[in-house]
Protein backbone atom coordinates (compact mmCIF):
# COMPACT_ATOMS: atom_id res chain seq x y z
CA MET A 1 94.93 -120.98 145.30
CA ASP A 2 91.81 -119.05 144.28
CA PHE A 3 91.52 -117.74 147.81
CA LEU A 4 95.17 -116.65 147.90
CA LYS A 5 94.69 -114.94 144.55
CA GLN A 6 91.71 -112.99 145.89
CA ILE A 7 93.65 -111.92 148.98
CA GLY A 8 96.59 -110.86 146.80
CA LEU A 9 94.32 -108.78 144.60
CA ARG A 10 92.77 -107.20 147.71
CA LEU A 11 96.22 -106.26 149.00
CA LEU A 12 97.20 -104.82 145.62
CA SER A 13 94.04 -102.73 145.56
CA ILE A 14 95.22 -100.76 148.62
CA PRO A 15 98.08 -98.90 146.87
CA LEU A 16 95.90 -98.47 143.78
CA THR A 17 93.17 -96.89 145.91
CA LEU A 18 95.72 -94.61 147.54
CA LEU A 19 97.01 -93.60 144.12
CA ILE A 20 93.53 -92.66 142.89
CA ILE A 21 92.64 -90.74 146.07
CA THR A 22 95.90 -88.81 146.22
CA ALA A 23 95.61 -87.94 142.53
CA ALA A 24 92.14 -86.53 143.14
CA LEU A 25 93.26 -84.61 146.23
CA TYR A 26 96.23 -83.09 144.47
CA GLY A 27 93.97 -82.17 141.54
CA ILE A 28 91.90 -80.08 143.98
CA ILE A 29 95.05 -78.34 145.20
CA MET A 30 95.96 -77.55 141.58
CA LEU A 31 92.91 -75.29 141.41
CA ALA A 32 94.76 -72.77 143.60
CA PRO A 33 97.12 -70.26 141.88
CA ALA A 34 100.82 -71.16 141.75
CA GLU A 35 101.74 -68.28 144.10
CA GLU A 36 99.45 -69.61 146.84
CA ARG A 37 100.87 -73.12 146.48
CA ALA A 38 104.41 -71.71 146.53
CA SER A 39 103.65 -70.06 149.89
CA LEU A 40 103.38 -73.56 151.39
CA TYR A 41 107.10 -74.00 150.81
CA LEU A 42 108.11 -70.81 152.60
CA PRO A 43 110.45 -71.36 155.59
CA PRO A 44 108.89 -70.97 159.04
CA ARG A 45 110.73 -67.72 159.81
CA LEU A 46 111.24 -65.07 157.15
CA PRO A 47 113.10 -61.77 157.60
CA PRO A 48 111.14 -58.59 156.89
CA MET A 49 111.01 -57.90 153.15
CA THR A 50 109.19 -55.78 150.64
CA GLN A 51 106.37 -57.05 148.46
CA GLU A 52 108.70 -57.10 145.47
CA ASP A 53 111.26 -59.23 147.31
CA MET A 54 108.48 -61.60 148.46
CA GLN A 55 107.34 -61.98 144.86
CA LYS A 56 110.90 -62.88 143.84
CA VAL A 57 111.00 -65.54 146.58
CA LEU A 58 107.69 -66.95 145.39
CA ASP A 59 108.86 -66.98 141.77
CA ARG A 60 111.99 -68.86 142.80
CA LEU A 61 109.92 -71.43 144.72
CA ILE A 62 107.61 -71.86 141.74
CA ALA A 63 110.59 -72.58 139.52
CA GLU A 64 112.29 -74.90 142.04
CA HIS A 65 109.20 -77.03 142.67
CA GLY A 66 107.84 -76.88 139.12
CA LEU A 67 104.50 -75.41 140.15
CA ASN A 68 103.83 -74.27 136.58
CA ASP A 69 104.52 -77.72 135.14
CA PRO A 70 101.70 -79.93 133.76
CA TYR A 71 99.59 -81.75 136.31
CA PRO A 72 101.14 -85.25 135.83
CA VAL A 73 104.64 -83.83 136.38
CA GLN A 74 103.64 -81.93 139.51
CA TYR A 75 101.71 -84.88 140.92
CA ALA A 76 104.63 -87.25 140.36
CA HIS A 77 106.97 -84.80 142.12
CA TRP A 78 104.58 -84.36 145.05
CA LEU A 79 103.98 -88.12 145.33
CA GLY A 80 107.73 -88.73 145.36
CA ASN A 81 108.13 -86.32 148.26
CA LEU A 82 105.26 -88.05 150.02
CA LEU A 83 106.90 -91.48 149.70
CA ARG A 84 110.19 -90.06 151.01
CA GLY A 85 108.44 -88.78 154.14
CA ASP A 86 108.32 -85.11 153.11
CA TRP A 87 104.65 -84.27 153.75
CA GLY A 88 105.24 -80.54 154.00
CA TRP A 89 105.54 -77.98 156.77
CA SER A 90 102.67 -76.88 159.01
CA PRO A 91 102.86 -73.11 159.61
CA VAL A 92 100.16 -73.40 162.30
CA TYR A 93 102.05 -75.97 164.42
CA LYS A 94 105.55 -74.97 163.24
CA GLU A 95 106.38 -78.62 162.63
CA ASP A 96 106.72 -81.22 159.88
CA VAL A 97 103.28 -82.57 159.02
CA LEU A 98 104.25 -86.25 159.09
CA VAL A 99 105.96 -85.94 162.49
CA LEU A 100 102.93 -84.15 163.90
CA LEU A 101 100.42 -86.69 162.57
CA LYS A 102 102.47 -89.68 163.73
CA ARG A 103 102.61 -88.25 167.25
CA ARG A 104 98.84 -87.73 167.40
CA LEU A 105 97.88 -90.99 165.64
CA PRO A 106 98.06 -93.31 168.72
CA VAL A 107 95.29 -91.35 170.46
CA THR A 108 92.90 -91.79 167.53
CA ALA A 109 94.04 -95.36 166.84
CA GLU A 110 93.51 -96.48 170.45
CA LEU A 111 89.98 -95.09 170.53
CA THR A 112 89.18 -96.71 167.17
CA PHE A 113 90.71 -100.03 168.22
CA TYR A 114 88.63 -100.38 171.37
CA SER A 115 85.48 -99.24 169.57
CA ILE A 116 85.91 -102.01 167.00
CA LEU A 117 86.83 -104.51 169.71
CA ALA A 118 83.61 -103.75 171.56
CA LEU A 119 81.48 -103.34 168.46
CA ILE A 120 81.95 -106.66 166.66
CA PRO A 121 81.02 -109.23 169.37
CA VAL A 122 78.20 -107.13 170.86
CA ALA A 123 76.63 -106.36 167.46
CA LEU A 124 76.80 -109.98 166.31
CA ALA A 125 75.54 -111.42 169.59
CA SER A 126 72.61 -109.01 169.97
CA GLY A 127 71.58 -109.43 166.33
CA VAL A 128 71.66 -113.21 166.60
CA LEU A 129 69.69 -113.26 169.85
CA ALA A 130 67.07 -110.83 168.53
CA GLY A 131 66.69 -112.61 165.18
CA TRP A 132 66.33 -116.05 166.73
CA ARG A 133 63.71 -114.67 169.14
CA ALA A 134 61.97 -112.45 166.58
CA TYR A 135 58.84 -110.61 167.76
CA ARG A 136 59.31 -111.74 171.35
CA PRO A 137 59.97 -109.35 174.26
CA PHE A 138 63.77 -109.46 173.80
CA ASP A 139 63.42 -108.59 170.11
CA ARG A 140 61.00 -105.75 170.81
CA GLY A 141 63.43 -104.28 173.33
CA PHE A 142 66.27 -104.68 170.85
CA ARG A 143 64.40 -102.90 168.06
CA LEU A 144 63.48 -100.01 170.35
CA THR A 145 67.11 -99.64 171.48
CA ALA A 146 68.39 -99.81 167.90
CA PHE A 147 65.86 -97.18 166.81
CA ILE A 148 67.02 -94.82 169.56
CA ALA A 149 70.68 -95.51 168.74
CA THR A 150 70.20 -94.52 165.09
CA SER A 151 68.09 -91.46 165.98
CA VAL A 152 70.46 -89.70 168.37
CA PRO A 153 73.47 -87.97 166.72
CA PRO A 154 76.81 -88.97 168.30
CA PHE A 155 77.66 -85.45 169.45
CA ILE A 156 74.31 -85.15 171.26
CA LEU A 157 74.77 -88.59 172.80
CA GLY A 158 78.30 -87.72 173.94
CA LEU A 159 77.20 -84.51 175.64
CA LEU A 160 74.29 -86.34 177.29
CA LEU A 161 76.57 -89.08 178.61
CA LEU A 162 79.02 -86.49 179.96
CA SER A 163 76.27 -84.64 181.77
CA ILE A 164 75.07 -87.85 183.44
CA PHE A 165 78.19 -89.93 184.09
CA TYR A 166 80.75 -87.15 184.60
CA VAL A 167 78.94 -84.03 185.81
CA GLY A 168 76.28 -85.94 187.75
CA LEU A 169 77.99 -89.12 188.93
CA ASN A 170 81.71 -88.37 188.33
CA TRP A 171 82.27 -91.94 187.12
CA PHE A 172 83.89 -91.48 183.71
CA PRO A 173 85.81 -88.20 183.29
CA PRO A 174 86.72 -86.77 179.86
CA GLY A 175 90.28 -86.41 178.58
CA ARG A 176 92.80 -89.11 177.89
CA THR A 177 95.21 -88.83 180.82
CA GLY A 178 93.80 -86.44 183.44
CA ILE A 179 95.98 -86.40 186.54
CA TYR A 180 98.57 -88.56 184.79
CA SER A 181 99.34 -86.01 182.06
CA LEU A 182 102.25 -84.56 184.06
CA THR A 183 103.58 -87.72 185.71
CA LEU A 184 103.70 -89.64 182.40
CA THR A 185 106.03 -87.03 180.89
CA THR A 186 108.24 -86.35 183.91
CA SER A 187 108.63 -89.90 185.25
CA ASP A 188 110.42 -92.89 183.73
CA PHE A 189 107.22 -94.00 181.98
CA ARG A 190 108.25 -95.25 178.51
CA THR A 191 106.03 -94.76 175.48
CA ILE A 192 106.35 -97.99 173.50
CA THR A 193 103.15 -98.49 171.49
CA GLY A 194 101.46 -95.12 172.02
CA PHE A 195 98.40 -96.88 173.48
CA LEU A 196 98.12 -95.91 177.15
CA THR A 197 96.44 -99.22 178.01
CA PHE A 198 99.24 -101.25 176.42
CA ASP A 199 102.08 -99.02 177.64
CA GLY A 200 100.66 -99.07 181.16
CA VAL A 201 100.92 -102.87 181.16
CA LEU A 202 104.43 -102.83 179.65
CA ASN A 203 105.59 -100.28 182.24
CA GLY A 204 104.03 -102.15 185.16
CA ARG A 205 101.56 -99.35 185.89
CA PRO A 206 98.11 -100.87 186.50
CA ASP A 207 96.90 -97.49 187.79
CA VAL A 208 97.52 -95.95 184.36
CA VAL A 209 95.73 -98.85 182.64
CA THR A 210 92.71 -98.53 184.93
CA ASP A 211 92.50 -94.77 184.46
CA ALA A 212 92.87 -95.05 180.66
CA LEU A 213 90.14 -97.71 180.40
CA ARG A 214 87.88 -95.63 182.63
CA ARG A 215 88.27 -92.64 180.31
CA LEU A 216 87.64 -94.78 177.22
CA VAL A 217 84.23 -96.06 178.34
CA LEU A 218 82.10 -93.09 177.27
CA PRO A 219 83.84 -92.26 173.96
CA VAL A 220 83.91 -95.93 172.92
CA PHE A 221 80.22 -96.30 173.71
CA THR A 222 79.37 -93.08 171.85
CA LEU A 223 81.39 -94.05 168.78
CA SER A 224 80.15 -97.65 168.66
CA LEU A 225 76.44 -97.23 169.32
CA LEU A 226 75.33 -96.10 165.85
CA TYR A 227 77.33 -98.81 164.07
CA TRP A 228 76.18 -101.41 166.61
CA ALA A 229 72.59 -100.65 165.62
CA THR A 230 73.36 -100.89 161.91
CA ILE A 231 75.32 -104.15 162.05
CA SER A 232 73.06 -105.87 164.58
CA ARG A 233 69.96 -105.02 162.53
CA VAL A 234 71.53 -106.64 159.46
CA THR A 235 72.41 -109.69 161.56
CA ARG A 236 68.87 -109.88 162.95
CA VAL A 237 67.29 -109.90 159.47
CA ALA A 238 69.75 -112.56 158.30
CA MET A 239 68.97 -114.72 161.33
CA ILE A 240 65.22 -114.49 160.69
CA GLU A 241 65.80 -115.70 157.14
CA GLU A 242 68.05 -118.54 158.27
CA LYS A 243 65.66 -119.62 161.01
CA ASN A 244 63.03 -120.76 158.52
CA LYS A 245 65.30 -122.70 156.17
CA GLU A 246 64.96 -126.42 155.61
CA TYR A 247 68.44 -127.42 156.77
CA LEU A 248 67.56 -126.26 160.30
CA ASP A 249 64.38 -128.37 160.24
CA ALA A 250 66.49 -131.36 159.24
CA ALA A 251 69.01 -130.65 162.01
CA ARG A 252 66.20 -130.24 164.52
CA ALA A 253 64.75 -133.57 163.42
CA ARG A 254 68.10 -135.18 164.24
CA GLY A 255 67.69 -134.03 167.83
CA LEU A 256 69.93 -130.96 167.94
CA ARG A 257 69.07 -128.40 170.59
CA ASP A 258 67.99 -124.85 169.78
CA ARG A 259 71.25 -123.44 171.18
CA GLN A 260 73.25 -125.64 168.80
CA LEU A 261 71.05 -124.64 165.87
CA GLU A 262 71.28 -120.97 166.78
CA TRP A 263 75.05 -120.66 167.19
CA GLY A 264 76.40 -123.71 165.41
CA HIS A 265 74.41 -123.46 162.19
CA ALA A 266 72.35 -120.30 161.68
CA PHE A 267 74.91 -117.91 163.11
CA ARG A 268 77.67 -118.85 160.67
CA ASN A 269 75.41 -118.18 157.69
CA ALA A 270 73.92 -114.99 159.12
CA ALA A 271 77.33 -113.54 159.99
CA LEU A 272 78.35 -112.97 156.35
CA PRO A 273 75.86 -110.12 155.72
CA ALA A 274 76.96 -108.62 159.03
CA MET A 275 80.60 -108.69 157.93
CA THR A 276 79.60 -106.90 154.73
CA ALA A 277 77.89 -104.23 156.83
CA MET A 278 81.09 -103.90 158.89
CA VAL A 279 83.13 -103.24 155.76
CA LEU A 280 80.70 -100.52 154.72
CA SER A 281 80.75 -99.02 158.23
CA ALA A 282 84.55 -98.85 158.45
CA ALA A 283 84.84 -95.43 156.80
CA GLY A 284 82.04 -94.03 158.92
CA LEU A 285 83.64 -95.35 162.08
CA VAL A 286 86.97 -93.66 161.33
CA THR A 287 85.42 -90.32 160.38
CA GLY A 288 83.09 -90.47 163.37
CA VAL A 289 86.01 -90.82 165.76
CA TYR A 290 87.09 -87.23 165.09
CA VAL A 291 83.78 -85.84 166.39
CA VAL A 292 83.97 -88.04 169.47
CA GLU A 293 87.54 -86.90 170.16
CA VAL A 294 86.43 -83.27 170.28
CA ILE A 295 83.54 -84.00 172.65
CA PHE A 296 85.62 -86.02 175.12
CA ASP A 297 88.80 -83.91 174.84
CA PHE A 298 90.96 -86.63 173.30
CA LYS A 299 93.81 -84.69 171.73
CA GLY A 300 94.26 -86.82 168.64
CA LEU A 301 94.07 -86.11 164.93
CA SER A 302 90.80 -84.17 165.30
CA GLU A 303 92.45 -81.35 167.26
CA VAL A 304 95.17 -81.12 164.63
CA ILE A 305 92.82 -80.73 161.68
CA THR A 306 90.44 -78.40 163.55
CA LYS A 307 93.23 -76.01 164.44
CA GLY A 308 94.66 -76.29 160.93
CA PHE A 309 91.33 -75.18 159.43
CA LEU A 310 90.64 -72.41 161.94
CA TYR A 311 94.05 -70.75 161.83
CA GLY A 312 94.90 -69.95 158.26
CA GLY A 313 93.83 -73.02 156.31
CA ASP A 314 96.96 -75.15 156.67
CA ALA A 315 96.89 -76.87 153.25
CA ALA A 316 99.80 -79.24 153.88
CA LEU A 317 98.25 -80.36 157.16
CA VAL A 318 94.82 -80.82 155.57
CA MET A 319 96.32 -82.97 152.81
CA GLY A 320 98.30 -85.03 155.31
CA PHE A 321 95.21 -85.53 157.45
CA ALA A 322 93.19 -86.74 154.45
CA ILE A 323 95.89 -89.25 153.47
CA PHE A 324 96.26 -90.44 157.07
CA SER A 325 92.50 -91.00 157.29
CA VAL A 326 92.59 -93.16 154.16
CA LEU A 327 95.54 -95.11 155.58
CA LEU A 328 93.47 -95.75 158.69
CA VAL A 329 90.33 -96.84 156.82
CA LEU A 330 91.85 -99.24 154.28
CA PRO A 331 93.49 -101.66 156.77
CA ILE A 332 90.26 -101.82 158.79
CA MET A 333 88.30 -102.71 155.66
CA LEU A 334 90.91 -105.36 154.82
CA VAL A 335 90.56 -106.91 158.29
CA PHE A 336 86.79 -107.10 157.92
CA ASP A 337 87.21 -108.71 154.49
CA LEU A 338 89.45 -111.35 156.05
CA LEU A 339 86.83 -111.93 158.76
CA ARG A 340 84.28 -112.54 156.04
CA VAL A 341 86.58 -115.19 154.58
CA TRP A 342 87.02 -116.81 157.99
CA VAL A 343 83.25 -116.97 158.54
CA ASP A 344 82.18 -118.16 155.07
CA PRO A 345 83.91 -121.32 153.74
CA ARG A 346 82.72 -120.50 150.21
CA LEU A 347 85.13 -117.56 150.14
CA ARG A 348 87.99 -119.77 151.33
CA GLU A 349 87.29 -122.24 148.55
CA GLY A 350 87.12 -119.57 145.88
CA GLY A 351 83.46 -120.05 145.13
CA VAL A 352 82.55 -116.42 145.80
CA ASP A 353 84.58 -113.32 145.00
CA LEU A 354 85.55 -110.85 147.69
């Protein structure tokens, strides 16, 4: 029951976190004059009018949307529109913000999903192997690789990988669809999940799946490398600490092999600090994906926000992007919290708070 209570509190914290973040974001918007905020509600196509007529339109919009009301009243009105699905209009894309973001989300979500899928087992395994073999050749190679991984910025790494594996070897091209961009829209290919790898399987198109996975290799590696180094280093230190504890000496005295001690005993205790590092890395992973999308020409949320900033400062789009990013981070952090509970029995028994 203590465990269920902790999980319930963790789930309740998600809407509370969203409430605090949206309140802060809207407070920043409130710094702009009412006339500028009223311009966000202008229809996409306006007939030619004088400056006086435009001012009358703005005054009417200010009155209709209560843009001169106190902050709590305005925030409650804006939040109500947000919950109803009215996220505003993007003058740059000439489209509703929520519709635009939902259409671009699968590209970013697929890249993030495969990065996490590759990151967790590789980071844990390499950290465990290096920590159990501390100061041996494998560990020295691991530490050198981790040092390089944390020293090279992702955008430099991405460009370097493109120059080698695309320009030089032509193994892993950039872009999400390539030659399939036209055939996927003109054929009977059905978009079900938005993930090309999943939809390719559901449509019976192994060629699409193969091409999508091929194009994911470089961006997934670029996005995961920095966080692999961080998490695996934490795991390595935890394994070194566990290796010298008395319970392992007792287990060794009972005749257990090193492999059993390494993965059956020490790993489970060393994994908890690694899970904590994963929770802390979740926000960085999601924000890092936008840089990687630009480098590898993945037309996801990054292209939307970049264009929104460059062409006129699309405030409604910027706000929607910020909220979407938070909605992407919080579930990932929740999943990592649940993994911590699965690894550590003390959390399941309520002995330690999440």
